[in-house]
Amino acid sequence: MMKKIQQLGYPLFFVVMALLPALLDSRWLAVATTFVIFTIVALSQDIVLGKAGMFNMGQALFFGLGAYTTAICNAVFGWPLLATLPLAIIIPAIFGVLLAGPIIHLRGDYLLVTTIGFNIVFVQALQNNLGGVTGGPNGIFGLEMLGIPGLAAYQQFTPYYVALAALILTLFILRNLESSKVGRALHYLREDDLAAGSVGINTRVYKIYSFALGAGIAGMAGTVYANQYSAVSPEAFDFLQSVLFFSIVIVGGSSVPGILLGVFVMFVLPEIFREFSTWRYFIFGFAMIFTMILRPRGLWPAKFGRIPKIFTEKG
């Protein structure tokens, strides 16, 4: 039943998302675009946290690294924005390998604290204008925006549809990952990395791979984010953003529908109550509490790895 709901739900979801710009004003179109971008980053976070079972709370680092790679290449070196995309994916992926290599043996809280430290160091480097190219606390402004040839009159919709195209690509990658040998290995790591290693899975390689893949996808989202605002600044990628992405995966339940719901609860819901100023965080906090009490495994828990019914039916 659930599988049929998902088969019908995904096409319906994308039809609604494709028509959404025609129904929204400029403010809510910006919220919808950020919703799509945050969904991409949360899905990249899920590769490490949900699929490989590693407590990473530094995903905003890779998100910001992709955004700043695009911003620096475009604003400082004059590259077209689209030409910066490969570097915005490759550089965070390389950093994912370099950062994960020395700490991959850490578990639980130790890995959590270490990734928080990396995120803080990254933001401090941006604020101190590392190499004289990050713009310091003010960031980098005046970036080029992608345009669709022949549709200049609809330029305001371009960031949204670019983000939506990136989301579709991300979902395609994740769908192939889940059905692959790598996806199964990551699932076994999440369940018990010691047992996974005992049956011949190279746990170190797959853990580093998950960091690299998650970092590359987050870097792509960074390019889309830079395209949306034509600017980047350090506070957009600080530790609190990493907390947001971490919470989205936990609240959502490490499945694609769950993460979509998680982004809605953790990001869109507070925006709906923005007019109530500080009260919106009060409502947001209670929404989180009730979600975790009523759905401790998340709003839509992942079903990957479930025992077939033939082995659990009576008789």
Protein backbone atom coordinates (compact mmCIF):
# COMPACT_ATOMS: atom_id res chain seq x y z
CA MET A 1 0.00 0.00 0.00
CA MET A 2 2.76 2.40 1.02
CA LYS A 3 4.65 1.62 -2.19
CA LYS A 4 1.57 2.47 -4.28
CA ILE A 5 1.17 5.76 -2.40
CA GLN A 6 4.79 6.66 -3.20
CA GLN A 7 4.40 5.67 -6.87
CA LEU A 8 1.42 7.99 -7.23
CA GLY A 9 2.73 10.60 -4.82
CA TYR A 10 6.01 11.42 -6.56
CA PRO A 11 4.47 12.36 -9.96
CA LEU A 12 1.77 14.38 -8.18
CA PHE A 13 4.38 16.11 -6.03
CA PHE A 14 6.46 17.17 -9.03
CA VAL A 15 3.41 18.34 -10.98
CA VAL A 16 2.42 20.54 -8.03
CA MET A 17 5.99 21.80 -7.62
CA ALA A 18 6.23 22.61 -11.33
CA LEU A 19 3.04 24.71 -11.18
CA LEU A 20 3.80 26.32 -7.82
CA PRO A 21 5.51 29.53 -9.08
CA ALA A 22 2.33 30.60 -10.86
CA LEU A 23 0.46 30.47 -7.54
CA LEU A 24 2.93 32.26 -5.25
CA ASP A 25 4.03 35.84 -4.71
CA SER A 26 7.72 36.77 -4.66
CA ARG A 27 8.17 36.15 -0.92
CA TRP A 28 6.67 32.69 -0.92
CA LEU A 29 8.44 31.83 -4.18
CA ALA A 30 11.72 32.55 -2.35
CA VAL A 31 10.56 30.32 0.52
CA ALA A 32 9.64 27.54 -1.96
CA THR A 33 13.06 27.82 -3.63
CA THR A 34 14.84 27.59 -0.29
CA PHE A 35 12.61 24.64 0.63
CA VAL A 36 13.85 22.78 -2.46
CA ILE A 37 17.50 23.68 -1.76
CA PHE A 38 17.28 22.65 1.89
CA THR A 39 15.68 19.37 0.80
CA ILE A 40 18.74 18.66 -1.38
CA VAL A 41 21.11 19.38 1.51
CA ALA A 42 19.00 17.28 3.91
CA LEU A 43 19.10 14.38 1.42
CA SER A 44 22.90 14.73 1.27
CA GLN A 45 22.96 14.71 5.09
CA ASP A 46 20.84 11.55 5.05
CA ILE A 47 23.52 9.68 3.08
CA VAL A 48 25.90 10.05 6.04
CA LEU A 49 23.47 10.09 8.97
CA GLY A 50 20.54 8.00 7.78
CA LYS A 51 22.14 5.50 5.42
CA ALA A 52 25.64 5.08 6.90
CA GLY A 53 24.58 5.79 10.50
CA MET A 54 27.35 8.32 11.26
CA PHE A 55 26.65 11.37 13.44
CA ASN A 56 27.71 14.19 11.16
CA MET A 57 26.66 17.69 12.24
CA GLY A 58 28.81 19.67 9.85
CA GLN A 59 26.89 19.39 6.58
CA ALA A 60 26.57 23.17 6.29
CA LEU A 61 30.35 23.21 5.79
CA PHE A 62 30.07 21.37 2.46
CA PHE A 63 26.97 23.36 1.52
CA GLY A 64 28.92 26.58 2.12
CA LEU A 65 32.03 25.27 0.39
CA GLY A 66 30.05 24.71 -2.80
CA ALA A 67 28.41 28.14 -2.56
CA TYR A 68 31.72 29.93 -1.95
CA THR A 69 33.48 27.98 -4.71
CA THR A 70 30.84 29.24 -7.15
CA ALA A 71 30.93 32.78 -5.72
CA ILE A 72 34.71 33.11 -5.83
CA CYS A 73 35.04 31.64 -9.34
CA ASN A 74 32.25 33.89 -10.63
CA ALA A 75 32.96 37.17 -8.80
CA VAL A 76 36.76 37.04 -8.56
CA PHE A 77 37.82 35.06 -11.63
CA GLY A 78 34.89 35.87 -13.92
CA TRP A 79 33.76 32.32 -14.64
CA PRO A 80 30.18 31.82 -15.89
CA LEU A 81 28.05 30.53 -13.05
CA LEU A 82 27.23 27.25 -14.78
CA ALA A 83 30.94 26.59 -15.41
CA THR A 84 31.58 26.71 -11.65
CA LEU A 85 29.25 23.78 -10.94
CA PRO A 86 31.76 20.93 -11.51
CA LEU A 87 34.25 22.56 -9.12
CA ALA A 88 31.47 23.24 -6.60
CA ILE A 89 30.81 19.49 -6.54
CA ILE A 90 34.38 18.21 -6.76
CA ILE A 91 35.99 20.50 -4.15
CA PRO A 92 33.50 19.67 -1.34
CA ALA A 93 33.79 15.97 -2.25
CA ILE A 94 37.59 16.15 -1.95
CA PHE A 95 37.27 17.97 1.38
CA GLY A 96 34.80 15.30 2.47
CA VAL A 97 37.48 12.66 1.86
CA LEU A 98 40.24 14.71 3.52
CA LEU A 99 38.18 15.55 6.59
CA ALA A 100 36.61 12.11 6.98
CA GLY A 101 39.88 10.16 6.60
CA PRO A 102 41.40 11.04 10.02
CA ILE A 103 38.12 10.93 11.98
CA ILE A 104 36.24 8.05 10.39
CA HIS A 105 37.16 5.71 13.25
CA LEU A 106 35.31 7.94 15.73
CA ARG A 107 31.79 6.99 16.79
CA GLY A 108 28.70 8.64 18.20
CA ASP A 109 29.26 11.80 20.20
CA TYR A 110 32.97 11.99 19.36
CA LEU A 111 32.30 12.18 15.62
CA LEU A 112 29.46 14.62 16.28
CA VAL A 113 31.67 17.05 18.21
CA THR A 114 34.49 16.79 15.66
CA THR A 115 32.24 17.67 12.72
CA ILE A 116 30.83 20.60 14.71
CA GLY A 117 34.41 21.81 15.16
CA PHE A 118 35.12 21.60 11.44
CA ASN A 119 31.99 23.66 10.72
CA ILE A 120 33.01 26.36 13.22
CA VAL A 121 36.54 26.55 11.79
CA PHE A 122 35.10 26.90 8.27
CA VAL A 123 32.85 29.82 9.25
CA GLN A 124 35.72 31.54 11.09
CA ALA A 125 37.91 31.19 7.99
CA LEU A 126 35.20 32.84 5.89
CA GLN A 127 34.70 35.69 8.36
CA ASN A 128 38.44 36.37 8.46
CA ASN A 129 38.56 36.68 4.66
CA LEU A 130 40.78 33.66 4.03
CA GLY A 131 43.12 34.36 1.11
CA GLY A 132 41.49 37.75 0.61
CA VAL A 133 38.75 36.24 -1.58
CA THR A 134 35.87 35.30 0.78
CA GLY A 135 34.73 38.87 1.46
CA GLY A 136 34.96 38.59 5.24
CA PRO A 137 31.77 38.96 7.36
CA ASN A 138 29.94 40.68 4.49
CA GLY A 139 30.46 37.81 2.06
CA ILE A 140 30.40 38.14 -1.74
CA PHE A 141 27.66 39.98 -3.63
CA GLY A 142 26.66 40.70 -7.22
CA LEU A 143 26.92 37.17 -8.57
CA GLU A 144 25.65 36.26 -12.01
CA MET A 145 22.24 34.61 -12.23
CA LEU A 146 21.52 31.74 -14.56
CA GLY A 147 19.11 32.61 -17.33
CA ILE A 148 16.99 30.49 -19.65
CA PRO A 149 17.41 31.61 -23.29
CA GLY A 150 14.23 33.12 -24.70
CA LEU A 151 12.54 33.35 -21.30
CA ALA A 152 13.99 36.62 -19.99
CA ALA A 153 10.47 37.79 -19.03
CA TYR A 154 10.27 34.93 -16.54
CA GLN A 155 13.69 35.47 -14.98
CA GLN A 156 12.19 35.56 -11.48
CA PHE A 157 11.22 31.89 -11.84
CA THR A 158 14.66 30.70 -12.98
CA PRO A 159 16.22 30.10 -9.50
CA TYR A 160 13.23 27.98 -8.50
CA TYR A 161 13.32 25.77 -11.58
CA VAL A 162 17.12 25.42 -11.36
CA ALA A 163 16.67 24.22 -7.77
CA LEU A 164 13.89 21.83 -8.81
CA ALA A 165 16.10 20.36 -11.56
CA ALA A 166 18.88 19.84 -8.99
CA LEU A 167 16.42 18.08 -6.67
CA ILE A 168 15.32 15.71 -9.46
CA LEU A 169 18.98 14.89 -10.17
CA THR A 170 19.61 14.26 -6.47
CA LEU A 171 16.62 11.92 -6.20
CA PHE A 172 17.84 10.04 -9.29
CA ILE A 173 21.27 9.57 -7.68
CA LEU A 174 19.76 8.39 -4.39
CA ARG A 175 17.38 5.98 -6.08
CA ASN A 176 20.30 4.33 -7.86
CA LEU A 177 22.34 4.35 -4.65
CA GLU A 178 19.66 2.51 -2.67
CA SER A 179 19.46 -0.33 -5.21
CA SER A 180 23.23 -0.67 -5.60
CA LYS A 181 25.92 -2.66 -3.81
CA VAL A 182 27.10 0.57 -2.17
CA GLY A 183 23.62 1.29 -0.82
CA ARG A 184 23.37 -2.17 0.73
CA ALA A 185 26.82 -1.81 2.27
CA LEU A 186 25.86 1.55 3.82
CA HIS A 187 22.71 -0.02 5.24
CA TYR A 188 24.76 -2.76 6.90
CA LEU A 189 27.10 -0.09 8.31
CA ARG A 190 24.15 1.70 9.85
CA GLU A 191 22.86 -1.48 11.47
CA ASP A 192 26.23 -2.68 12.83
CA ASP A 193 29.57 -1.63 11.38
CA LEU A 194 31.44 -4.33 13.33
CA ALA A 195 29.26 -7.07 11.86
CA ALA A 196 29.54 -5.44 8.42
CA GLY A 197 33.34 -5.57 8.65
CA SER A 198 33.24 -9.20 9.74
CA VAL A 199 31.48 -10.23 6.50
CA GLY A 200 34.04 -8.53 4.29
CA ILE A 201 32.69 -5.00 3.86
CA ASN A 202 35.49 -2.42 3.86
CA THR A 203 33.86 -0.13 6.41
CA ARG A 204 36.49 2.62 6.15
CA VAL A 205 36.14 2.94 2.36
CA TYR A 206 32.35 3.03 2.44
CA LYS A 207 32.24 5.54 5.29
CA ILE A 208 34.58 7.89 3.43
CA TYR A 209 32.57 7.32 0.24
CA SER A 210 29.37 8.39 2.02
CA PHE A 211 31.04 11.59 3.25
CA ALA A 212 32.34 12.36 -0.25
CA LEU A 213 29.01 11.72 -1.98
CA GLY A 214 27.07 13.71 0.62
CA ALA A 215 29.56 16.56 0.39
CA GLY A 216 29.39 16.66 -3.42
CA ILE A 217 25.58 16.84 -3.45
CA ALA A 218 25.63 19.53 -0.74
CA GLY A 219 28.16 21.46 -2.84
CA MET A 220 25.80 21.34 -5.82
CA ALA A 221 23.06 22.74 -3.57
CA GLY A 222 25.49 25.52 -2.63
CA THR A 223 25.74 26.60 -6.28
CA VAL A 224 21.95 26.66 -6.55
CA TYR A 225 21.77 28.71 -3.35
CA ALA A 226 24.30 31.23 -4.69
CA ASN A 227 22.24 31.47 -7.87
CA GLN A 228 19.07 32.17 -5.88
CA TYR A 229 20.43 35.10 -3.86
CA SER A 230 23.27 36.28 -6.15
CA ALA A 231 25.28 36.48 -2.92
CA VAL A 232 26.84 34.37 -0.16
CA SER A 233 27.74 35.22 3.43
CA PRO A 234 29.21 33.21 6.34
CA GLU A 235 26.15 33.19 8.62
CA ALA A 236 24.19 31.18 6.05
CA PHE A 237 26.47 28.18 6.66
CA ASP A 238 27.09 28.30 10.39
CA PHE A 239 26.68 25.54 12.96
CA LEU A 240 22.95 26.26 13.45
CA GLN A 241 22.34 25.43 9.80
CA SER A 242 24.01 22.06 10.33
CA VAL A 243 21.74 21.51 13.34
CA LEU A 244 18.76 22.23 11.08
CA PHE A 245 19.80 19.65 8.47
CA PHE A 246 20.60 17.09 11.19
CA SER A 247 17.18 17.65 12.77
CA ILE A 248 15.37 17.38 9.43
CA VAL A 249 16.72 13.85 8.89
CA ILE A 250 15.87 12.79 12.47
CA VAL A 251 12.37 14.28 12.38
CA GLY A 252 11.68 13.04 8.85
CA GLY A 253 12.75 9.45 9.45
CA SER A 254 15.50 9.04 6.81
CA SER A 255 13.21 8.51 3.82
CA VAL A 256 12.56 10.86 0.90
CA PRO A 257 8.91 11.56 1.84
CA GLY A 258 9.99 11.92 5.47
CA ILE A 259 12.71 14.42 4.61
CA LEU A 260 10.25 16.45 2.54
CA LEU A 261 7.94 16.54 5.57
CA GLY A 262 10.91 17.28 7.82
CA VAL A 263 11.93 20.31 5.76
CA PHE A 264 8.34 21.53 5.92
CA VAL A 265 8.20 21.16 9.71
CA MET A 266 11.67 22.55 10.39
CA PHE A 267 11.78 25.35 7.80
CA VAL A 268 8.43 26.17 6.17
CA LEU A 269 6.34 25.96 9.34
CA PRO A 270 8.37 28.68 11.12
CA GLU A 271 8.05 30.84 8.00
CA ILE A 272 4.26 30.51 8.12
CA PHE A 273 4.31 31.92 11.67
CA ARG A 274 6.95 34.59 10.93
CA GLU A 275 4.41 37.36 11.55
CA PHE A 276 4.22 36.25 15.18
CA SER A 277 7.92 37.09 15.59
CA THR A 278 9.43 35.17 18.55
CA TRP A 279 6.20 33.21 19.07
CA ARG A 280 6.90 31.28 15.87
CA TYR A 281 9.83 29.56 17.58
CA PHE A 282 7.53 28.65 20.46
CA ILE A 283 5.14 26.96 18.02
CA PHE A 284 8.06 25.43 16.14
CA GLY A 285 9.49 23.95 19.35
CA PHE A 286 6.21 22.32 20.30
CA ALA A 287 5.87 20.92 16.77
CA MET A 288 9.25 19.22 17.18
CA ILE A 289 8.39 17.86 20.62
CA PHE A 290 5.04 16.40 19.56
CA THR A 291 6.58 14.95 16.41
CA MET A 292 9.23 13.04 18.35
CA ILE A 293 6.75 11.88 21.01
CA LEU A 294 4.12 10.67 18.55
CA ARG A 295 6.55 9.48 15.85
CA PRO A 296 9.85 8.57 17.58
CA ARG A 297 11.20 6.91 14.41
CA GLY A 298 10.37 10.00 12.36
CA LEU A 299 7.38 11.22 10.39
CA TRP A 300 7.96 8.69 7.60
CA PRO A 301 10.52 6.04 8.65
CA ALA A 302 12.68 4.40 6.00
CA LYS A 303 11.74 0.80 5.19
CA PHE A 304 15.01 -0.27 3.57
CA GLY A 305 16.21 -3.62 4.90
CA ARG A 306 12.86 -4.82 6.26
CA ILE A 307 12.56 -8.60 6.70
CA PRO A 308 10.39 -10.13 3.94
CA LYS A 309 6.87 -11.09 5.05
CA ILE A 310 7.44 -14.74 4.13
CA PHE A 311 9.80 -15.03 7.11
CA THR A 312 7.51 -13.27 9.59
CA GLU A 313 4.07 -14.69 8.75
CA LYS A 314 2.65 -17.25 11.15
CA GLY A 315 2.98 -20.88 10.14
